[in-house]
Amino acid sequence: MSGPPRPDSPLTDPHLTDPLDVSLLGDHPPQLEPDPWQGWLAARRRQTLHLPDYRPAAVLVALTREADPRVLLTVRSSELPTHQGQIAFPGGSLEAGESVIAGAVREAWEEVGLDPAAVTVLGEMDDVYTPAGFHVTPVLARVPAQPRLKLSGEVAQLLLPSLSELRALTPTREHRQMPDGQPVILYRYPWQGHDIWGMTARVLHDLLTDGPL
């Protein structure tokens, strides 16, 4: 599949930059409000997993820039070889030499047409794993309130529940063991007829219970 578009930026290409723009930017730097989710990540100690026999993968946990953010989820196509019909974040296996951030952004572009230029990466969340043998790093990011998306054949449906809607749900719990023998609780969130469970629900639970309101 072809890579994402990489438009030139007039602020980074010296041949396209107007000297007046440089002067104005130097005298009046833009004042941006700090993102509470970025502060949340910075205050946490990220939990990593050592699973050398698992395949490295990454998912993009994309929150819209709204007072009540929505989270980008997909319903996987029934035509896929694994996890058919399950609800997931855009993501997949890493390519050789690829970072988790690059992999998560690339997969979101390939699966739902999310322009990499519209993605502001905030950082990495706690590692998770799947029973199918994937060692997954969730990458937290911000996207526009109304992102332009185009579904690929891997995706049957797009879901955009708000965090307040998900927080109002009562998840069910199931006790399991991690590959290293440590106990772990798995969650299921029933949302508008959809069953959000597994690795996706674990990552969501972290956002909903520990993230900023």
C-alpha atoms as a PDB file:
ATOM      1  CA  MET A   1       0.000   0.000   0.000  1.00  0.00           C
ATOM      2  CA  SER A   2       1.297   3.490  -0.780  1.00  0.00           C
ATOM      3  CA  GLY A   3       2.520   5.597   2.094  1.00  0.00           C
ATOM      4  CA  PRO A   4       0.728   8.609   3.545  1.00  0.00           C
ATOM      5  CA  PRO A   5       0.959  11.996   1.879  1.00  0.00           C
ATOM      6  CA  ARG A   6       3.750  14.240   3.078  1.00  0.00           C
ATOM      7  CA  PRO A   7       2.857  17.807   2.136  1.00  0.00           C
ATOM      8  CA  ASP A   8       5.627  20.417   2.409  1.00  0.00           C
ATOM      9  CA  SER A   9       5.238  22.729   5.356  1.00  0.00           C
ATOM     10  CA  PRO A  10       5.863  26.439   4.669  1.00  0.00           C
ATOM     11  CA  LEU A  11       7.247  26.751   8.190  1.00  0.00           C
ATOM     12  CA  THR A  12       9.887  24.050   7.688  1.00  0.00           C
ATOM     13  CA  ASP A  13      10.864  24.505   4.025  1.00  0.00           C
ATOM     14  CA  PRO A  14      13.139  27.587   3.745  1.00  0.00           C
ATOM     15  CA  HIS A  15      12.262  27.948   0.050  1.00  0.00           C
ATOM     16  CA  LEU A  16       8.562  28.402   0.878  1.00  0.00           C
ATOM     17  CA  THR A  17       8.817  30.496   4.048  1.00  0.00           C
ATOM     18  CA  ASP A  18       7.907  34.168   3.829  1.00  0.00           C
ATOM     19  CA  PRO A  19      10.404  36.317   5.832  1.00  0.00           C
ATOM     20  CA  LEU A  20       7.467  38.225   7.358  1.00  0.00           C
ATOM     21  CA  ASP A  21       6.045  34.957   8.701  1.00  0.00           C
ATOM     22  CA  VAL A  22       9.378  34.188  10.345  1.00  0.00           C
ATOM     23  CA  SER A  23       9.492  37.642  11.918  1.00  0.00           C
ATOM     24  CA  LEU A  24       5.942  37.463  13.203  1.00  0.00           C
ATOM     25  CA  LEU A  25       6.413  33.986  14.608  1.00  0.00           C
ATOM     26  CA  GLY A  26       9.604  35.063  16.333  1.00  0.00           C
ATOM     27  CA  ASP A  27       8.001  38.125  17.921  1.00  0.00           C
ATOM     28  CA  HIS A  28       4.686  36.522  18.857  1.00  0.00           C
ATOM     29  CA  PRO A  29       5.005  32.757  19.450  1.00  0.00           C
ATOM     30  CA  PRO A  30       1.626  31.016  19.483  1.00  0.00           C
ATOM     31  CA  GLN A  31       0.241  30.367  22.958  1.00  0.00           C
ATOM     32  CA  LEU A  32      -1.175  26.856  23.164  1.00  0.00           C
ATOM     33  CA  GLU A  33      -3.136  25.487  26.085  1.00  0.00           C
ATOM     34  CA  PRO A  34      -1.412  22.460  27.639  1.00  0.00           C
ATOM     35  CA  ASP A  35      -3.137  19.218  26.759  1.00  0.00           C
ATOM     36  CA  PRO A  36      -4.375  17.521  29.974  1.00  0.00           C
ATOM     37  CA  TRP A  37      -3.860  14.100  28.428  1.00  0.00           C
ATOM     38  CA  GLN A  38      -0.234  14.843  27.698  1.00  0.00           C
ATOM     39  CA  GLY A  39       0.206  15.931  31.321  1.00  0.00           C
ATOM     40  CA  TRP A  40      -1.487  12.726  32.439  1.00  0.00           C
ATOM     41  CA  LEU A  41       0.976  10.627  30.472  1.00  0.00           C
ATOM     42  CA  ALA A  42       3.961  12.612  31.716  1.00  0.00           C
ATOM     43  CA  ALA A  43       2.935  12.052  35.345  1.00  0.00           C
ATOM     44  CA  ARG A  44       2.682   8.273  34.912  1.00  0.00           C
ATOM     45  CA  ARG A  45       5.342   5.600  34.991  1.00  0.00           C
ATOM     46  CA  ARG A  46       4.726   3.557  31.871  1.00  0.00           C
ATOM     47  CA  GLN A  47       4.376  -0.188  32.431  1.00  0.00           C
ATOM     48  CA  THR A  48       6.324  -2.210  29.870  1.00  0.00           C
ATOM     49  CA  LEU A  49       6.216  -5.921  29.116  1.00  0.00           C
ATOM     50  CA  HIS A  50       9.092  -8.216  28.162  1.00  0.00           C
ATOM     51  CA  LEU A  51       7.592 -10.707  25.727  1.00  0.00           C
ATOM     52  CA  PRO A  52      10.361 -11.702  23.294  1.00  0.00           C
ATOM     53  CA  ASP A  53       8.269 -14.503  21.766  1.00  0.00           C
ATOM     54  CA  TYR A  54       5.353 -12.181  20.975  1.00  0.00           C
ATOM     55  CA  ARG A  55       5.023 -10.155  17.772  1.00  0.00           C
ATOM     56  CA  PRO A  56       5.505  -6.392  18.323  1.00  0.00           C
ATOM     57  CA  ALA A  57       2.499  -4.279  17.377  1.00  0.00           C
ATOM     58  CA  ALA A  58       1.074  -0.825  17.989  1.00  0.00           C
ATOM     59  CA  VAL A  59      -2.374   0.772  18.044  1.00  0.00           C
ATOM     60  CA  LEU A  60      -3.404   4.413  17.809  1.00  0.00           C
ATOM     61  CA  VAL A  61      -5.623   5.581  20.680  1.00  0.00           C
ATOM     62  CA  ALA A  62      -6.978   8.700  19.006  1.00  0.00           C
ATOM     63  CA  LEU A  63      -8.986  11.217  21.065  1.00  0.00           C
ATOM     64  CA  THR A  64     -10.813  14.040  19.325  1.00  0.00           C
ATOM     65  CA  ARG A  65     -10.079  17.619  20.342  1.00  0.00           C
ATOM     66  CA  GLU A  66     -13.362  18.312  22.112  1.00  0.00           C
ATOM     67  CA  ALA A  67     -14.463  19.155  25.652  1.00  0.00           C
ATOM     68  CA  ASP A  68     -15.790  15.604  25.859  1.00  0.00           C
ATOM     69  CA  PRO A  69     -13.357  13.698  23.640  1.00  0.00           C
ATOM     70  CA  ARG A  70     -14.494  10.817  21.468  1.00  0.00           C
ATOM     71  CA  VAL A  71     -12.255   7.821  20.888  1.00  0.00           C
ATOM     72  CA  LEU A  72     -11.703   6.306  17.452  1.00  0.00           C
ATOM     73  CA  LEU A  73     -12.618   2.606  17.292  1.00  0.00           C
ATOM     74  CA  THR A  74     -13.166   0.225  14.403  1.00  0.00           C
ATOM     75  CA  VAL A  75     -15.244  -2.892  13.854  1.00  0.00           C
ATOM     76  CA  ARG A  76     -12.974  -5.356  12.083  1.00  0.00           C
ATOM     77  CA  SER A  77     -14.165  -6.847   8.831  1.00  0.00           C
ATOM     78  CA  SER A  78     -15.547 -10.392   8.812  1.00  0.00           C
ATOM     79  CA  GLU A  79     -13.205 -11.081   5.869  1.00  0.00           C
ATOM     80  CA  LEU A  80     -10.020 -10.758   7.966  1.00  0.00           C
ATOM     81  CA  PRO A  81      -8.106 -13.906   8.988  1.00  0.00           C
ATOM     82  CA  THR A  82      -8.147 -13.028  12.714  1.00  0.00           C
ATOM     83  CA  HIS A  83     -10.334 -11.100  15.180  1.00  0.00           C
ATOM     84  CA  GLN A  84     -13.229 -10.839  12.731  1.00  0.00           C
ATOM     85  CA  GLY A  85     -15.992  -8.492  13.884  1.00  0.00           C
ATOM     86  CA  GLN A  86     -14.129  -7.419  16.992  1.00  0.00           C
ATOM     87  CA  ILE A  87     -13.866  -3.811  18.107  1.00  0.00           C
ATOM     88  CA  ALA A  88     -10.347  -2.470  18.030  1.00  0.00           C
ATOM     89  CA  PHE A  89      -8.170   0.593  17.794  1.00  0.00           C
ATOM     90  CA  PRO A  90      -6.545   1.184  14.407  1.00  0.00           C
ATOM     91  CA  GLY A  91      -3.278  -0.736  14.534  1.00  0.00           C
ATOM     92  CA  GLY A  92      -1.312  -3.814  13.664  1.00  0.00           C
ATOM     93  CA  SER A  93       2.101  -5.449  13.470  1.00  0.00           C
ATOM     94  CA  LEU A  94       5.211  -3.315  13.201  1.00  0.00           C
ATOM     95  CA  GLU A  95       7.276  -3.431  10.062  1.00  0.00           C
ATOM     96  CA  ALA A  96      10.995  -4.191  10.282  1.00  0.00           C
ATOM     97  CA  GLY A  97      12.828  -1.350  12.027  1.00  0.00           C
ATOM     98  CA  GLU A  98       9.620   0.620  12.582  1.00  0.00           C
ATOM     99  CA  SER A  99       8.965   2.493  15.836  1.00  0.00           C
ATOM    100  CA  VAL A 100       5.691   1.995  17.687  1.00  0.00           C
ATOM    101  CA  ILE A 101       4.664   5.602  16.986  1.00  0.00           C
ATOM    102  CA  ALA A 102       5.383   5.321  13.271  1.00  0.00           C
ATOM    103  CA  GLY A 103       3.575   1.975  13.147  1.00  0.00           C
ATOM    104  CA  ALA A 104       0.473   3.238  14.932  1.00  0.00           C
ATOM    105  CA  VAL A 105       0.191   6.317  12.704  1.00  0.00           C
ATOM    106  CA  ARG A 106       0.810   4.264   9.551  1.00  0.00           C
ATOM    107  CA  GLU A 107      -1.831   1.684  10.472  1.00  0.00           C
ATOM    108  CA  ALA A 108      -4.411   4.414  11.145  1.00  0.00           C
ATOM    109  CA  TRP A 109      -3.696   5.866   7.708  1.00  0.00           C
ATOM    110  CA  GLU A 110      -4.028   2.461   6.044  1.00  0.00           C
ATOM    111  CA  GLU A 111      -7.146   1.322   7.903  1.00  0.00           C
ATOM    112  CA  VAL A 112      -9.272   4.458   8.191  1.00  0.00           C
ATOM    113  CA  GLY A 113      -7.516   7.062   6.029  1.00  0.00           C
ATOM    114  CA  LEU A 114      -6.508   9.233   8.987  1.00  0.00           C
ATOM    115  CA  ASP A 115      -4.021  11.769   7.608  1.00  0.00           C
ATOM    116  CA  PRO A 116      -0.765  11.592   9.621  1.00  0.00           C
ATOM    117  CA  ALA A 117      -0.582  15.389   9.436  1.00  0.00           C
ATOM    118  CA  ALA A 118      -3.808  15.537  11.485  1.00  0.00           C
ATOM    119  CA  VAL A 119      -2.376  13.360  14.272  1.00  0.00           C
ATOM    120  CA  THR A 120      -0.697  14.912  17.322  1.00  0.00           C
ATOM    121  CA  VAL A 121       1.069  12.125  19.200  1.00  0.00           C
ATOM    122  CA  LEU A 122       1.091  12.586  22.985  1.00  0.00           C
ATOM    123  CA  GLY A 123       3.056   9.505  23.995  1.00  0.00           C
ATOM    124  CA  GLU A 124       2.945   5.802  24.751  1.00  0.00           C
ATOM    125  CA  MET A 125       0.594   4.096  27.201  1.00  0.00           C
ATOM    126  CA  ASP A 126       1.160   0.869  29.162  1.00  0.00           C
ATOM    127  CA  ASP A 127       2.032  -2.192  27.114  1.00  0.00           C
ATOM    128  CA  VAL A 128      -0.664  -4.842  26.671  1.00  0.00           C
ATOM    129  CA  TYR A 129      -0.797  -8.228  24.971  1.00  0.00           C
ATOM    130  CA  THR A 130      -3.284 -10.415  23.145  1.00  0.00           C
ATOM    131  CA  PRO A 131      -3.829 -14.200  23.418  1.00  0.00           C
ATOM    132  CA  ALA A 132      -2.999 -14.422  19.709  1.00  0.00           C
ATOM    133  CA  GLY A 133       0.601 -13.539  20.575  1.00  0.00           C
ATOM    134  CA  PHE A 134       0.896  -9.792  19.983  1.00  0.00           C
ATOM    135  CA  HIS A 135       2.848  -7.469  22.283  1.00  0.00           C
ATOM    136  CA  VAL A 136       1.021  -4.171  21.778  1.00  0.00           C
ATOM    137  CA  THR A 137       2.044  -0.618  22.628  1.00  0.00           C
ATOM    138  CA  PRO A 138      -0.892   1.838  22.586  1.00  0.00           C
ATOM    139  CA  VAL A 139       0.048   5.288  21.278  1.00  0.00           C
ATOM    140  CA  LEU A 140      -2.116   8.104  22.650  1.00  0.00           C
ATOM    141  CA  ALA A 141      -2.842  10.933  20.218  1.00  0.00           C
ATOM    142  CA  ARG A 142      -5.155  13.842  19.477  1.00  0.00           C
ATOM    143  CA  VAL A 143      -7.073  14.279  16.222  1.00  0.00           C
ATOM    144  CA  PRO A 144      -9.493  16.937  14.951  1.00  0.00           C
ATOM    145  CA  ALA A 145     -13.075  16.938  16.240  1.00  0.00           C
ATOM    146  CA  GLN A 146     -14.284  15.978  12.758  1.00  0.00           C
ATOM    147  CA  PRO A 147     -11.451  13.969  11.205  1.00  0.00           C
ATOM    148  CA  ARG A 148     -11.653  13.099   7.523  1.00  0.00           C
ATOM    149  CA  LEU A 149     -11.747   9.316   7.328  1.00  0.00           C
ATOM    150  CA  LYS A 150     -12.039   6.705   4.590  1.00  0.00           C
ATOM    151  CA  LEU A 151     -12.519   3.100   5.618  1.00  0.00           C
ATOM    152  CA  SER A 152     -10.417   0.363   4.062  1.00  0.00           C
ATOM    153  CA  GLY A 153     -11.518  -3.201   3.411  1.00  0.00           C
ATOM    154  CA  GLU A 154     -10.172  -4.170   6.844  1.00  0.00           C
ATOM    155  CA  VAL A 155     -12.852  -2.105   8.599  1.00  0.00           C
ATOM    156  CA  ALA A 156     -16.584  -2.852   8.546  1.00  0.00           C
ATOM    157  CA  GLN A 157     -17.695   0.102  10.666  1.00  0.00           C
ATOM    158  CA  LEU A 158     -16.354   3.111  12.514  1.00  0.00           C
ATOM    159  CA  LEU A 159     -17.302   3.881  16.116  1.00  0.00           C
ATOM    160  CA  LEU A 160     -16.739   7.201  17.921  1.00  0.00           C
ATOM    161  CA  PRO A 161     -18.103   6.903  21.471  1.00  0.00           C
ATOM    162  CA  SER A 162     -17.441   9.810  23.819  1.00  0.00           C
ATOM    163  CA  LEU A 163     -15.486   9.201  27.000  1.00  0.00           C
ATOM    164  CA  SER A 164     -18.449  10.382  29.086  1.00  0.00           C
ATOM    165  CA  GLU A 165     -20.688   7.767  27.431  1.00  0.00           C
ATOM    166  CA  LEU A 166     -18.173   5.026  28.174  1.00  0.00           C
ATOM    167  CA  ARG A 167     -17.630   6.234  31.737  1.00  0.00           C
ATOM    168  CA  ALA A 168     -21.376   5.945  32.355  1.00  0.00           C
ATOM    169  CA  LEU A 169     -21.277   2.214  31.556  1.00  0.00           C
ATOM    170  CA  THR A 170     -20.772  -0.559  34.096  1.00  0.00           C
ATOM    171  CA  PRO A 171     -18.192  -2.960  32.691  1.00  0.00           C
ATOM    172  CA  THR A 172     -18.150  -6.644  33.521  1.00  0.00           C
ATOM    173  CA  ARG A 173     -14.906  -8.150  34.860  1.00  0.00           C
ATOM    174  CA  GLU A 174     -13.048 -11.381  34.248  1.00  0.00           C
ATOM    175  CA  HIS A 175      -9.895 -12.550  36.041  1.00  0.00           C
ATOM    176  CA  ARG A 176      -7.047 -13.901  33.911  1.00  0.00           C
ATOM    177  CA  GLN A 177      -3.279 -14.385  34.101  1.00  0.00           C
ATOM    178  CA  MET A 178      -0.643 -12.545  32.095  1.00  0.00           C
ATOM    179  CA  PRO A 179       2.045 -14.567  30.250  1.00  0.00           C
ATOM    180  CA  ASP A 180       4.401 -14.004  33.200  1.00  0.00           C
ATOM    181  CA  GLY A 181       1.832 -15.415  35.630  1.00  0.00           C
ATOM    182  CA  GLN A 182       0.691 -12.094  37.077  1.00  0.00           C
ATOM    183  CA  PRO A 183      -3.076 -11.772  37.618  1.00  0.00           C
ATOM    184  CA  VAL A 184      -4.954  -9.332  35.411  1.00  0.00           C
ATOM    185  CA  ILE A 185      -8.563  -8.207  35.150  1.00  0.00           C
ATOM    186  CA  LEU A 186     -10.240  -8.107  31.738  1.00  0.00           C
ATOM    187  CA  TYR A 187     -13.197  -5.809  31.091  1.00  0.00           C
ATOM    188  CA  ARG A 188     -16.188  -5.723  28.766  1.00  0.00           C
ATOM    189  CA  TYR A 189     -18.014  -2.495  27.892  1.00  0.00           C
ATOM    190  CA  PRO A 190     -21.464  -2.838  26.270  1.00  0.00           C
ATOM    191  CA  TRP A 191     -22.012   0.274  24.145  1.00  0.00           C
ATOM    192  CA  GLN A 192     -25.007   0.776  21.824  1.00  0.00           C
ATOM    193  CA  GLY A 193     -25.266  -2.912  20.972  1.00  0.00           C
ATOM    194  CA  HIS A 194     -21.501  -3.365  20.606  1.00  0.00           C
ATOM    195  CA  ASP A 195     -19.351  -5.528  22.870  1.00  0.00           C
ATOM    196  CA  ILE A 196     -16.009  -3.840  23.585  1.00  0.00           C
ATOM    197  CA  TRP A 197     -13.706  -6.368  25.222  1.00  0.00           C
ATOM    198  CA  GLY A 198     -10.210  -7.837  25.288  1.00  0.00           C
ATOM    199  CA  MET A 199      -7.148  -5.694  24.778  1.00  0.00           C
ATOM    200  CA  THR A 200      -9.238  -2.765  23.533  1.00  0.00           C
ATOM    201  CA  ALA A 201     -11.312  -2.719  26.721  1.00  0.00           C
ATOM    202  CA  ARG A 202      -8.180  -2.934  28.885  1.00  0.00           C
ATOM    203  CA  VAL A 203      -6.712   0.169  27.259  1.00  0.00           C
ATOM    204  CA  LEU A 204     -10.061   1.980  27.423  1.00  0.00           C
ATOM    205  CA  HIS A 205     -10.437   1.118  31.107  1.00  0.00           C
ATOM    206  CA  ASP A 206      -7.097   2.790  31.795  1.00  0.00           C
ATOM    207  CA  LEU A 207      -8.282   5.967  30.039  1.00  0.00           C
ATOM    208  CA  LEU A 208     -11.706   6.001  31.665  1.00  0.00           C
ATOM    209  CA  THR A 209     -10.700   5.315  35.266  1.00  0.00           C
ATOM    210  CA  ASP A 210      -7.336   7.063  35.480  1.00  0.00           C
ATOM    211  CA  GLY A 211      -7.411   9.760  32.800  1.00  0.00           C
ATOM    212  CA  PRO A 212      -8.390  13.427  33.256  1.00  0.00           C
ATOM    213  CA  LEU A 213     -12.066  14.299  33.352  1.00  0.00           C
END
